mmCIF file of all heavy atoms, coordinates in Angstrom:
data_MODEL
# 
_entry.id   MODEL 
# 
loop_
_atom_site.group_PDB 
_atom_site.id 
_atom_site.type_symbol 
_atom_site.label_atom_id 
_atom_site.label_alt_id 
_atom_site.label_comp_id 
_atom_site.label_asym_id 
_atom_site.label_entity_id 
_atom_site.label_seq_id 
_atom_site.pdbx_PDB_ins_code 
_atom_site.Cartn_x 
_atom_site.Cartn_y 
_atom_site.Cartn_z 
_atom_site.occupancy 
_atom_site.B_iso_or_equiv 
_atom_site.pdbx_formal_charge 
_atom_site.auth_seq_id 
_atom_site.auth_comp_id 
_atom_site.auth_asym_id 
_atom_site.auth_atom_id 
_atom_site.pdbx_PDB_model_num 
ATOM 1   N N   . LEU A 1 1  ? -84.562  119.987 121.442 1.00 0.00 ? 1  LEU A N   1 
ATOM 2   C CA  . LEU A 1 1  ? -84.242  118.917 120.637 1.00 0.00 ? 1  LEU A CA  1 
ATOM 3   C C   . LEU A 1 1  ? -85.414  117.871 120.584 1.00 0.00 ? 1  LEU A C   1 
ATOM 4   O O   . LEU A 1 1  ? -85.665  117.268 119.524 1.00 0.00 ? 1  LEU A O   1 
ATOM 5   C CB  . LEU A 1 1  ? -82.914  118.184 121.101 1.00 0.00 ? 1  LEU A CB  1 
ATOM 6   C CG  . LEU A 1 1  ? -82.382  116.980 120.349 1.00 0.00 ? 1  LEU A CG  1 
ATOM 7   C CD1 . LEU A 1 1  ? -82.067  117.235 118.908 1.00 0.00 ? 1  LEU A CD1 1 
ATOM 8   C CD2 . LEU A 1 1  ? -81.187  116.429 121.043 1.00 0.00 ? 1  LEU A CD2 1 
ATOM 9   N N   . ASP A 1 2  ? -85.853  117.534 121.764 1.00 0.00 ? 2  ASP A N   1 
ATOM 10  C CA  . ASP A 1 2  ? -87.026  116.560 121.904 1.00 0.00 ? 2  ASP A CA  1 
ATOM 11  C C   . ASP A 1 2  ? -88.179  117.073 121.093 1.00 0.00 ? 2  ASP A C   1 
ATOM 12  O O   . ASP A 1 2  ? -88.920  116.312 120.417 1.00 0.00 ? 2  ASP A O   1 
ATOM 13  C CB  . ASP A 1 2  ? -87.382  116.462 123.334 1.00 0.00 ? 2  ASP A CB  1 
ATOM 14  C CG  . ASP A 1 2  ? -88.531  115.510 123.605 1.00 0.00 ? 2  ASP A CG  1 
ATOM 15  O OD1 . ASP A 1 2  ? -88.361  114.303 123.247 1.00 0.00 ? 2  ASP A OD1 1 
ATOM 16  O OD2 . ASP A 1 2  ? -89.547  115.930 124.036 1.00 0.00 ? 2  ASP A OD2 1 
ATOM 17  N N   . PHE A 1 3  ? -88.405  118.350 121.104 1.00 0.00 ? 3  PHE A N   1 
ATOM 18  C CA  . PHE A 1 3  ? -89.617  119.043 120.415 1.00 0.00 ? 3  PHE A CA  1 
ATOM 19  C C   . PHE A 1 3  ? -89.273  118.828 118.787 1.00 0.00 ? 3  PHE A C   1 
ATOM 20  O O   . PHE A 1 3  ? -90.111  118.614 118.030 1.00 0.00 ? 3  PHE A O   1 
ATOM 21  C CB  . PHE A 1 3  ? -89.744  120.467 120.751 1.00 0.00 ? 3  PHE A CB  1 
ATOM 22  C CG  . PHE A 1 3  ? -90.927  121.158 120.076 1.00 0.00 ? 3  PHE A CG  1 
ATOM 23  C CD1 . PHE A 1 3  ? -92.175  120.932 120.470 1.00 0.00 ? 3  PHE A CD1 1 
ATOM 24  C CD2 . PHE A 1 3  ? -90.669  121.900 118.928 1.00 0.00 ? 3  PHE A CD2 1 
ATOM 25  C CE1 . PHE A 1 3  ? -93.289  121.537 119.807 1.00 0.00 ? 3  PHE A CE1 1 
ATOM 26  C CE2 . PHE A 1 3  ? -91.647  122.515 118.307 1.00 0.00 ? 3  PHE A CE2 1 
ATOM 27  C CZ  . PHE A 1 3  ? -93.041  122.386 118.809 1.00 0.00 ? 3  PHE A CZ  1 
ATOM 28  N N   . GLN A 1 4  ? -88.016  119.183 118.408 1.00 0.00 ? 4  GLN A N   1 
ATOM 29  C CA  . GLN A 1 4  ? -87.670  119.093 117.047 1.00 0.00 ? 4  GLN A CA  1 
ATOM 30  C C   . GLN A 1 4  ? -87.805  117.630 116.493 1.00 0.00 ? 4  GLN A C   1 
ATOM 31  O O   . GLN A 1 4  ? -88.319  117.397 115.437 1.00 0.00 ? 4  GLN A O   1 
ATOM 32  C CB  . GLN A 1 4  ? -86.212  119.570 116.817 1.00 0.00 ? 4  GLN A CB  1 
ATOM 33  C CG  . GLN A 1 4  ? -86.168  121.070 117.008 1.00 0.00 ? 4  GLN A CG  1 
ATOM 34  C CD  . GLN A 1 4  ? -84.716  121.427 116.853 1.00 0.00 ? 4  GLN A CD  1 
ATOM 35  O OE1 . GLN A 1 4  ? -83.676  120.621 117.096 1.00 0.00 ? 4  GLN A OE1 1 
ATOM 36  N NE2 . GLN A 1 4  ? -84.510  122.759 116.407 1.00 0.00 ? 4  GLN A NE2 1 
ATOM 37  N N   . LEU A 1 5  ? -87.370  116.680 117.277 1.00 0.00 ? 5  LEU A N   1 
ATOM 38  C CA  . LEU A 1 5  ? -87.611  115.177 116.921 1.00 0.00 ? 5  LEU A CA  1 
ATOM 39  C C   . LEU A 1 5  ? -89.168  114.893 116.723 1.00 0.00 ? 5  LEU A C   1 
ATOM 40  O O   . LEU A 1 5  ? -89.498  114.144 115.734 1.00 0.00 ? 5  LEU A O   1 
ATOM 41  C CB  . LEU A 1 5  ? -86.940  114.376 118.003 1.00 0.00 ? 5  LEU A CB  1 
ATOM 42  C CG  . LEU A 1 5  ? -85.391  114.303 117.887 1.00 0.00 ? 5  LEU A CG  1 
ATOM 43  C CD1 . LEU A 1 5  ? -84.795  113.696 119.145 1.00 0.00 ? 5  LEU A CD1 1 
ATOM 44  C CD2 . LEU A 1 5  ? -84.923  113.556 116.692 1.00 0.00 ? 5  LEU A CD2 1 
ATOM 45  N N   . MET A 1 6  ? -89.908  115.293 117.703 1.00 0.00 ? 6  MET A N   1 
ATOM 46  C CA  . MET A 1 6  ? -91.368  115.150 117.588 1.00 0.00 ? 6  MET A CA  1 
ATOM 47  C C   . MET A 1 6  ? -91.950  115.757 116.368 1.00 0.00 ? 6  MET A C   1 
ATOM 48  O O   . MET A 1 6  ? -92.774  115.200 115.679 1.00 0.00 ? 6  MET A O   1 
ATOM 49  C CB  . MET A 1 6  ? -92.042  115.688 118.849 1.00 0.00 ? 6  MET A CB  1 
ATOM 50  C CG  . MET A 1 6  ? -93.542  115.480 118.842 1.00 0.00 ? 6  MET A CG  1 
ATOM 51  S SD  . MET A 1 6  ? -94.311  116.083 120.380 1.00 0.00 ? 6  MET A SD  1 
ATOM 52  C CE  . MET A 1 6  ? -94.023  117.778 120.245 1.00 0.00 ? 6  MET A CE  1 
ATOM 53  N N   . THR A 1 7  ? -91.412  117.025 115.995 1.00 0.00 ? 7  THR A N   1 
ATOM 54  C CA  . THR A 1 7  ? -91.934  117.687 114.770 1.00 0.00 ? 7  THR A CA  1 
ATOM 55  C C   . THR A 1 7  ? -91.580  116.855 113.555 1.00 0.00 ? 7  THR A C   1 
ATOM 56  O O   . THR A 1 7  ? -92.409  116.712 112.640 1.00 0.00 ? 7  THR A O   1 
ATOM 57  C CB  . THR A 1 7  ? -91.221  118.983 114.662 1.00 0.00 ? 7  THR A CB  1 
ATOM 58  O OG1 . THR A 1 7  ? -91.641  119.795 115.800 1.00 0.00 ? 7  THR A OG1 1 
ATOM 59  C CG2 . THR A 1 7  ? -91.738  119.802 113.411 1.00 0.00 ? 7  THR A CG2 1 
ATOM 60  N N   . GLN A 1 8  ? -90.334  116.304 113.557 1.00 0.00 ? 8  GLN A N   1 
ATOM 61  C CA  . GLN A 1 8  ? -90.006  115.557 112.305 1.00 0.00 ? 8  GLN A CA  1 
ATOM 62  C C   . GLN A 1 8  ? -90.813  114.134 112.271 1.00 0.00 ? 8  GLN A C   1 
ATOM 63  O O   . GLN A 1 8  ? -91.181  113.732 111.148 1.00 0.00 ? 8  GLN A O   1 
ATOM 64  C CB  . GLN A 1 8  ? -88.476  115.133 112.356 1.00 0.00 ? 8  GLN A CB  1 
ATOM 65  C CG  . GLN A 1 8  ? -87.575  116.350 112.230 1.00 0.00 ? 8  GLN A CG  1 
ATOM 66  C CD  . GLN A 1 8  ? -87.793  116.974 110.825 1.00 0.00 ? 8  GLN A CD  1 
ATOM 67  O OE1 . GLN A 1 8  ? -87.928  116.219 109.805 1.00 0.00 ? 8  GLN A OE1 1 
ATOM 68  N NE2 . GLN A 1 8  ? -87.837  118.330 110.751 1.00 0.00 ? 8  GLN A NE2 1 
ATOM 69  N N   . LEU A 1 9  ? -91.207  113.586 113.465 1.00 0.00 ? 9  LEU A N   1 
ATOM 70  C CA  . LEU A 1 9  ? -91.959  112.412 113.447 1.00 0.00 ? 9  LEU A CA  1 
ATOM 71  C C   . LEU A 1 9  ? -93.358  112.764 112.944 1.00 0.00 ? 9  LEU A C   1 
ATOM 72  O O   . LEU A 1 9  ? -93.952  111.978 112.223 1.00 0.00 ? 9  LEU A O   1 
ATOM 73  C CB  . LEU A 1 9  ? -92.015  111.746 114.873 1.00 0.00 ? 9  LEU A CB  1 
ATOM 74  C CG  . LEU A 1 9  ? -92.737  110.391 115.017 1.00 0.00 ? 9  LEU A CG  1 
ATOM 75  C CD1 . LEU A 1 9  ? -91.837  109.378 114.149 1.00 0.00 ? 9  LEU A CD1 1 
ATOM 76  C CD2 . LEU A 1 9  ? -92.746  109.986 116.429 1.00 0.00 ? 9  LEU A CD2 1 
ATOM 77  N N   . LYS A 1 10 ? -93.904  113.911 113.247 1.00 0.00 ? 10 LYS A N   1 
ATOM 78  C CA  . LYS A 1 10 ? -95.246  114.322 112.817 1.00 0.00 ? 10 LYS A CA  1 
ATOM 79  C C   . LYS A 1 10 ? -95.191  114.578 111.434 1.00 0.00 ? 10 LYS A C   1 
ATOM 80  O O   . LYS A 1 10 ? -96.114  114.066 110.637 1.00 0.00 ? 10 LYS A O   1 
ATOM 81  C CB  . LYS A 1 10 ? -95.592  115.547 113.485 1.00 0.00 ? 10 LYS A CB  1 
ATOM 82  C CG  . LYS A 1 10 ? -96.955  116.198 113.077 1.00 0.00 ? 10 LYS A CG  1 
ATOM 83  C CD  . LYS A 1 10 ? -98.172  115.220 113.284 1.00 0.00 ? 10 LYS A CD  1 
ATOM 84  C CE  . LYS A 1 10 ? -99.366  115.874 112.773 1.00 0.00 ? 10 LYS A CE  1 
ATOM 85  N NZ  . LYS A 1 10 ? -100.492 115.025 112.838 1.00 0.00 ? 10 LYS A NZ  1 
ATOM 86  N N   . SER A 1 11 ? -94.130  115.124 110.874 1.00 0.00 ? 11 SER A N   1 
ATOM 87  C CA  . SER A 1 11 ? -93.921  115.411 109.414 1.00 0.00 ? 11 SER A CA  1 
ATOM 88  C C   . SER A 1 11 ? -93.795  114.003 108.714 1.00 0.00 ? 11 SER A C   1 
ATOM 89  O O   . SER A 1 11 ? -94.417  113.805 107.646 1.00 0.00 ? 11 SER A O   1 
ATOM 90  C CB  . SER A 1 11 ? -92.761  116.123 109.143 1.00 0.00 ? 11 SER A CB  1 
ATOM 91  O OG  . SER A 1 11 ? -92.498  116.399 107.681 1.00 0.00 ? 11 SER A OG  1 
ATOM 92  N N   . TYR A 1 12 ? -93.222  113.077 109.230 1.00 0.00 ? 12 TYR A N   1 
ATOM 93  C CA  . TYR A 1 12 ? -93.046  111.696 108.579 1.00 0.00 ? 12 TYR A CA  1 
ATOM 94  C C   . TYR A 1 12 ? -94.376  111.135 108.666 1.00 0.00 ? 12 TYR A C   1 
ATOM 95  O O   . TYR A 1 12 ? -94.786  110.413 107.580 1.00 0.00 ? 12 TYR A O   1 
ATOM 96  C CB  . TYR A 1 12 ? -92.087  110.862 109.571 1.00 0.00 ? 12 TYR A CB  1 
ATOM 97  C CG  . TYR A 1 12 ? -91.907  109.519 109.139 1.00 0.00 ? 12 TYR A CG  1 
ATOM 98  C CD1 . TYR A 1 12 ? -90.969  109.045 108.124 1.00 0.00 ? 12 TYR A CD1 1 
ATOM 99  C CD2 . TYR A 1 12 ? -92.615  108.402 109.833 1.00 0.00 ? 12 TYR A CD2 1 
ATOM 100 C CE1 . TYR A 1 12 ? -90.833  107.784 107.777 1.00 0.00 ? 12 TYR A CE1 1 
ATOM 101 C CE2 . TYR A 1 12 ? -92.390  107.067 109.441 1.00 0.00 ? 12 TYR A CE2 1 
ATOM 102 C CZ  . TYR A 1 12 ? -91.471  106.853 108.503 1.00 0.00 ? 12 TYR A CZ  1 
ATOM 103 O OH  . TYR A 1 12 ? -91.482  105.456 108.032 1.00 0.00 ? 12 TYR A OH  1 
ATOM 104 N N   . SER A 1 13 ? -95.250  111.247 109.717 1.00 0.00 ? 13 SER A N   1 
ATOM 105 C CA  . SER A 1 13 ? -96.577  110.651 109.754 1.00 0.00 ? 13 SER A CA  1 
ATOM 106 C C   . SER A 1 13 ? -97.387  111.248 108.723 1.00 0.00 ? 13 SER A C   1 
ATOM 107 O O   . SER A 1 13 ? -98.148  110.569 108.060 1.00 0.00 ? 13 SER A O   1 
ATOM 108 C CB  . SER A 1 13 ? -97.161  110.887 111.034 1.00 0.00 ? 13 SER A CB  1 
ATOM 109 O OG  . SER A 1 13 ? -98.516  110.474 111.176 1.00 0.00 ? 13 SER A OG  1 
ATOM 110 N N   . VAL A 1 14 ? -97.279  112.597 108.498 1.00 0.00 ? 14 VAL A N   1 
ATOM 111 C CA  . VAL A 1 14 ? -98.187  113.244 107.450 1.00 0.00 ? 14 VAL A CA  1 
ATOM 112 C C   . VAL A 1 14 ? -97.785  112.753 106.076 1.00 0.00 ? 14 VAL A C   1 
ATOM 113 O O   . VAL A 1 14 ? -98.673  112.487 105.286 1.00 0.00 ? 14 VAL A O   1 
ATOM 114 C CB  . VAL A 1 14 ? -98.039  114.774 107.578 1.00 0.00 ? 14 VAL A CB  1 
ATOM 115 C CG1 . VAL A 1 14 ? -98.641  115.415 106.347 1.00 0.00 ? 14 VAL A CG1 1 
ATOM 116 C CG2 . VAL A 1 14 ? -98.561  115.306 108.820 1.00 0.00 ? 14 VAL A CG2 1 
ATOM 117 N N   . HIS A 1 15 ? -96.477  112.518 105.823 1.00 0.00 ? 15 HIS A N   1 
ATOM 118 C CA  . HIS A 1 15 ? -95.943  112.118 104.522 1.00 0.00 ? 15 HIS A CA  1 
ATOM 119 C C   . HIS A 1 15 ? -96.598  110.637 104.341 1.00 0.00 ? 15 HIS A C   1 
ATOM 120 O O   . HIS A 1 15 ? -97.129  110.369 103.221 1.00 0.00 ? 15 HIS A O   1 
ATOM 121 C CB  . HIS A 1 15 ? -94.536  111.981 104.521 1.00 0.00 ? 15 HIS A CB  1 
ATOM 122 C CG  . HIS A 1 15 ? -93.886  111.687 103.198 1.00 0.00 ? 15 HIS A CG  1 
ATOM 123 N ND1 . HIS A 1 15 ? -93.586  112.556 102.263 1.00 0.00 ? 15 HIS A ND1 1 
ATOM 124 C CD2 . HIS A 1 15 ? -93.664  110.475 102.658 1.00 0.00 ? 15 HIS A CD2 1 
ATOM 125 C CE1 . HIS A 1 15 ? -93.133  111.965 101.167 1.00 0.00 ? 15 HIS A CE1 1 
ATOM 126 N NE2 . HIS A 1 15 ? -93.117  110.636 101.363 1.00 0.00 ? 15 HIS A NE2 1 
ATOM 127 N N   . LEU A 1 16 ? -96.588  109.800 105.314 1.00 0.00 ? 16 LEU A N   1 
ATOM 128 C CA  . LEU A 1 16 ? -97.030  108.458 105.144 1.00 0.00 ? 16 LEU A CA  1 
ATOM 129 C C   . LEU A 1 16 ? -98.512  108.309 104.865 1.00 0.00 ? 16 LEU A C   1 
ATOM 130 O O   . LEU A 1 16 ? -99.026  107.669 104.091 1.00 0.00 ? 16 LEU A O   1 
ATOM 131 C CB  . LEU A 1 16 ? -96.619  107.600 106.379 1.00 0.00 ? 16 LEU A CB  1 
ATOM 132 C CG  . LEU A 1 16 ? -95.171  107.249 106.628 1.00 0.00 ? 16 LEU A CG  1 
ATOM 133 C CD1 . LEU A 1 16 ? -95.013  106.335 107.769 1.00 0.00 ? 16 LEU A CD1 1 
ATOM 134 C CD2 . LEU A 1 16 ? -94.596  106.764 105.397 1.00 0.00 ? 16 LEU A CD2 1 
ATOM 135 N N   . GLN A 1 17 ? -99.183  109.236 105.700 1.00 0.00 ? 17 GLN A N   1 
ATOM 136 C CA  . GLN A 1 17 ? -100.760 109.342 105.486 1.00 0.00 ? 17 GLN A CA  1 
ATOM 137 C C   . GLN A 1 17 ? -101.086 109.848 104.094 1.00 0.00 ? 17 GLN A C   1 
ATOM 138 O O   . GLN A 1 17 ? -102.049 109.318 103.593 1.00 0.00 ? 17 GLN A O   1 
ATOM 139 C CB  . GLN A 1 17 ? -101.271 110.279 106.540 1.00 0.00 ? 17 GLN A CB  1 
ATOM 140 C CG  . GLN A 1 17 ? -101.216 109.703 107.988 1.00 0.00 ? 17 GLN A CG  1 
ATOM 141 C CD  . GLN A 1 17 ? -101.665 110.659 109.003 1.00 0.00 ? 17 GLN A CD  1 
ATOM 142 O OE1 . GLN A 1 17 ? -102.390 111.691 108.779 1.00 0.00 ? 17 GLN A OE1 1 
ATOM 143 N NE2 . GLN A 1 17 ? -101.213 110.559 110.272 1.00 0.00 ? 17 GLN A NE2 1 
ATOM 144 N N   . SER A 1 18 ? -100.389 110.688 103.563 1.00 0.00 ? 18 SER A N   1 
ATOM 145 C CA  . SER A 1 18 ? -100.552 111.137 102.160 1.00 0.00 ? 18 SER A CA  1 
ATOM 146 C C   . SER A 1 18 ? -100.371 110.063 101.213 1.00 0.00 ? 18 SER A C   1 
ATOM 147 O O   . SER A 1 18 ? -101.098 109.792 100.272 1.00 0.00 ? 18 SER A O   1 
ATOM 148 C CB  . SER A 1 18 ? -99.590  112.351 101.887 1.00 0.00 ? 18 SER A CB  1 
ATOM 149 O OG  . SER A 1 18 ? -99.766  112.704 100.461 1.00 0.00 ? 18 SER A OG  1 
ATOM 150 N N   . HIS A 1 19 ? -99.266  109.214 101.483 1.00 0.00 ? 19 HIS A N   1 
ATOM 151 C CA  . HIS A 1 19 ? -99.078  108.089 100.603 1.00 0.00 ? 19 HIS A CA  1 
ATOM 152 C C   . HIS A 1 19 ? -100.174 107.060 100.814 1.00 0.00 ? 19 HIS A C   1 
ATOM 153 O O   . HIS A 1 19 ? -100.593 106.489 99.719  1.00 0.00 ? 19 HIS A O   1 
ATOM 154 C CB  . HIS A 1 19 ? -97.749  107.445 101.023 1.00 0.00 ? 19 HIS A CB  1 
ATOM 155 C CG  . HIS A 1 19 ? -97.274  106.460 100.193 1.00 0.00 ? 19 HIS A CG  1 
ATOM 156 N ND1 . HIS A 1 19 ? -96.584  106.716 98.976  1.00 0.00 ? 19 HIS A ND1 1 
ATOM 157 C CD2 . HIS A 1 19 ? -97.107  105.024 100.285 1.00 0.00 ? 19 HIS A CD2 1 
ATOM 158 C CE1 . HIS A 1 19 ? -96.167  105.480 98.354  1.00 0.00 ? 19 HIS A CE1 1 
ATOM 159 N NE2 . HIS A 1 19 ? -96.538  104.519 99.144  1.00 0.00 ? 19 HIS A NE2 1 
ATOM 160 N N   . ILE A 1 20 ? -100.571 106.830 101.968 1.00 0.00 ? 20 ILE A N   1 
ATOM 161 C CA  . ILE A 1 20 ? -101.675 105.846 102.167 1.00 0.00 ? 20 ILE A CA  1 
ATOM 162 C C   . ILE A 1 20 ? -102.972 106.243 101.602 1.00 0.00 ? 20 ILE A C   1 
ATOM 163 O O   . ILE A 1 20 ? -103.845 105.464 101.082 1.00 0.00 ? 20 ILE A O   1 
ATOM 164 C CB  . ILE A 1 20 ? -101.875 105.657 103.746 1.00 0.00 ? 20 ILE A CB  1 
ATOM 165 C CG1 . ILE A 1 20 ? -100.616 104.863 104.258 1.00 0.00 ? 20 ILE A CG1 1 
ATOM 166 C CG2 . ILE A 1 20 ? -103.119 104.751 104.055 1.00 0.00 ? 20 ILE A CG2 1 
ATOM 167 C CD1 . ILE A 1 20 ? -100.575 104.649 105.765 1.00 0.00 ? 20 ILE A CD1 1 
ATOM 168 N N   . GLY A 1 21 ? -103.177 107.559 101.634 1.00 0.00 ? 21 GLY A N   1 
ATOM 169 C CA  . GLY A 1 21 ? -104.468 108.185 101.079 1.00 0.00 ? 21 GLY A CA  1 
ATOM 170 C C   . GLY A 1 21 ? -104.380 107.890 99.637  1.00 0.00 ? 21 GLY A C   1 
ATOM 171 O O   . GLY A 1 21 ? -105.547 107.587 98.993  1.00 0.00 ? 21 GLY A O   1 
ATOM 172 N N   . LEU A 1 22 ? -103.399 107.975 98.938  1.00 0.00 ? 22 LEU A N   1 
ATOM 173 C CA  . LEU A 1 22 ? -103.217 107.770 97.513  1.00 0.00 ? 22 LEU A CA  1 
ATOM 174 C C   . LEU A 1 22 ? -103.530 106.359 97.237  1.00 0.00 ? 22 LEU A C   1 
ATOM 175 O O   . LEU A 1 22 ? -104.400 106.031 96.256  1.00 0.00 ? 22 LEU A O   1 
ATOM 176 C CB  . LEU A 1 22 ? -101.894 108.049 96.951  1.00 0.00 ? 22 LEU A CB  1 
ATOM 177 C CG  . LEU A 1 22 ? -101.561 107.847 95.467  1.00 0.00 ? 22 LEU A CG  1 
ATOM 178 C CD1 . LEU A 1 22 ? -102.491 108.699 94.547  1.00 0.00 ? 22 LEU A CD1 1 
ATOM 179 C CD2 . LEU A 1 22 ? -100.073 108.106 95.196  1.00 0.00 ? 22 LEU A CD2 1 
ATOM 180 N N   . LEU A 1 23 ? -103.040 105.350 97.955  1.00 0.00 ? 23 LEU A N   1 
ATOM 181 C CA  . LEU A 1 23 ? -103.268 103.967 97.808  1.00 0.00 ? 23 LEU A CA  1 
ATOM 182 C C   . LEU A 1 23 ? -104.792 103.728 97.876  1.00 0.00 ? 23 LEU A C   1 
ATOM 183 O O   . LEU A 1 23 ? -105.410 102.987 97.221  1.00 0.00 ? 23 LEU A O   1 
ATOM 184 C CB  . LEU A 1 23 ? -102.433 103.225 98.747  1.00 0.00 ? 23 LEU A CB  1 
ATOM 185 C CG  . LEU A 1 23 ? -100.929 103.242 98.607  1.00 0.00 ? 23 LEU A CG  1 
ATOM 186 C CD1 . LEU A 1 23 ? -100.196 102.324 99.645  1.00 0.00 ? 23 LEU A CD1 1 
ATOM 187 C CD2 . LEU A 1 23 ? -100.503 102.728 97.227  1.00 0.00 ? 23 LEU A CD2 1 
ATOM 188 N N   . ASN A 1 24 ? -105.314 104.212 99.022  1.00 0.00 ? 24 ASN A N   1 
ATOM 189 C CA  . ASN A 1 24 ? -106.667 103.967 99.353  1.00 0.00 ? 24 ASN A CA  1 
ATOM 190 C C   . ASN A 1 24 ? -107.611 104.417 98.362  1.00 0.00 ? 24 ASN A C   1 
ATOM 191 O O   . ASN A 1 24 ? -108.736 103.829 97.940  1.00 0.00 ? 24 ASN A O   1 
ATOM 192 C CB  . ASN A 1 24 ? -107.134 104.547 100.765 1.00 0.00 ? 24 ASN A CB  1 
ATOM 193 C CG  . ASN A 1 24 ? -106.549 103.714 101.910 1.00 0.00 ? 24 ASN A CG  1 
ATOM 194 O OD1 . ASN A 1 24 ? -106.247 102.631 101.827 1.00 0.00 ? 24 ASN A OD1 1 
ATOM 195 N ND2 . ASN A 1 24 ? -106.352 104.355 103.093 1.00 0.00 ? 24 ASN A ND2 1 
ATOM 196 N N   . ARG A 1 25 ? -107.388 105.570 97.629  1.00 0.00 ? 25 ARG A N   1 
ATOM 197 C CA  . ARG A 1 25 ? -108.232 106.111 96.561  1.00 0.00 ? 25 ARG A CA  1 
ATOM 198 C C   . ARG A 1 25 ? -108.259 105.120 95.377  1.00 0.00 ? 25 ARG A C   1 
ATOM 199 O O   . ARG A 1 25 ? -109.341 104.915 94.808  1.00 0.00 ? 25 ARG A O   1 
ATOM 200 C CB  . ARG A 1 25 ? -107.715 107.557 96.162  1.00 0.00 ? 25 ARG A CB  1 
ATOM 201 C CG  . ARG A 1 25 ? -108.001 108.580 97.199  1.00 0.00 ? 25 ARG A CG  1 
ATOM 202 C CD  . ARG A 1 25 ? -107.780 110.009 96.546  1.00 0.00 ? 25 ARG A CD  1 
ATOM 203 N NE  . ARG A 1 25 ? -106.515 110.241 96.241  1.00 0.00 ? 25 ARG A NE  1 
ATOM 204 C CZ  . ARG A 1 25 ? -105.572 110.760 97.117  1.00 0.00 ? 25 ARG A CZ  1 
ATOM 205 N NH1 . ARG A 1 25 ? -105.910 111.054 98.348  1.00 0.00 ? 25 ARG A NH1 1 
ATOM 206 N NH2 . ARG A 1 25 ? -104.332 111.069 96.820  1.00 0.00 ? 25 ARG A NH2 1 
ATOM 207 N N   . TYR A 1 26 ? -107.074 104.625 95.067  1.00 0.00 ? 26 TYR A N   1 
ATOM 208 C CA  . TYR A 1 26 ? -107.027 103.584 94.037  1.00 0.00 ? 26 TYR A CA  1 
ATOM 209 C C   . TYR A 1 26 ? -107.838 102.423 94.311  1.00 0.00 ? 26 TYR A C   1 
ATOM 210 O O   . TYR A 1 26 ? -108.561 101.864 93.583  1.00 0.00 ? 26 TYR A O   1 
ATOM 211 C CB  . TYR A 1 26 ? -105.607 103.423 93.671  1.00 0.00 ? 26 TYR A CB  1 
ATOM 212 C CG  . TYR A 1 26 ? -105.516 102.250 92.407  1.00 0.00 ? 26 TYR A CG  1 
ATOM 213 C CD1 . TYR A 1 26 ? -105.802 102.789 91.106  1.00 0.00 ? 26 TYR A CD1 1 
ATOM 214 C CD2 . TYR A 1 26 ? -105.248 100.895 92.674  1.00 0.00 ? 26 TYR A CD2 1 
ATOM 215 C CE1 . TYR A 1 26 ? -105.624 101.907 90.143  1.00 0.00 ? 26 TYR A CE1 1 
ATOM 216 C CE2 . TYR A 1 26 ? -105.168 100.103 91.607  1.00 0.00 ? 26 TYR A CE2 1 
ATOM 217 C CZ  . TYR A 1 26 ? -105.484 100.527 90.333  1.00 0.00 ? 26 TYR A CZ  1 
ATOM 218 O OH  . TYR A 1 26 ? -105.300 99.655  89.240  1.00 0.00 ? 26 TYR A OH  1 
# 
């Protein structure tokens, strides 16, 4: 369960980084 939660947090981080990357490009 701890590992699965960490995986979701990593996925959340990747999603945010993608969003931030879009903003930074503009």
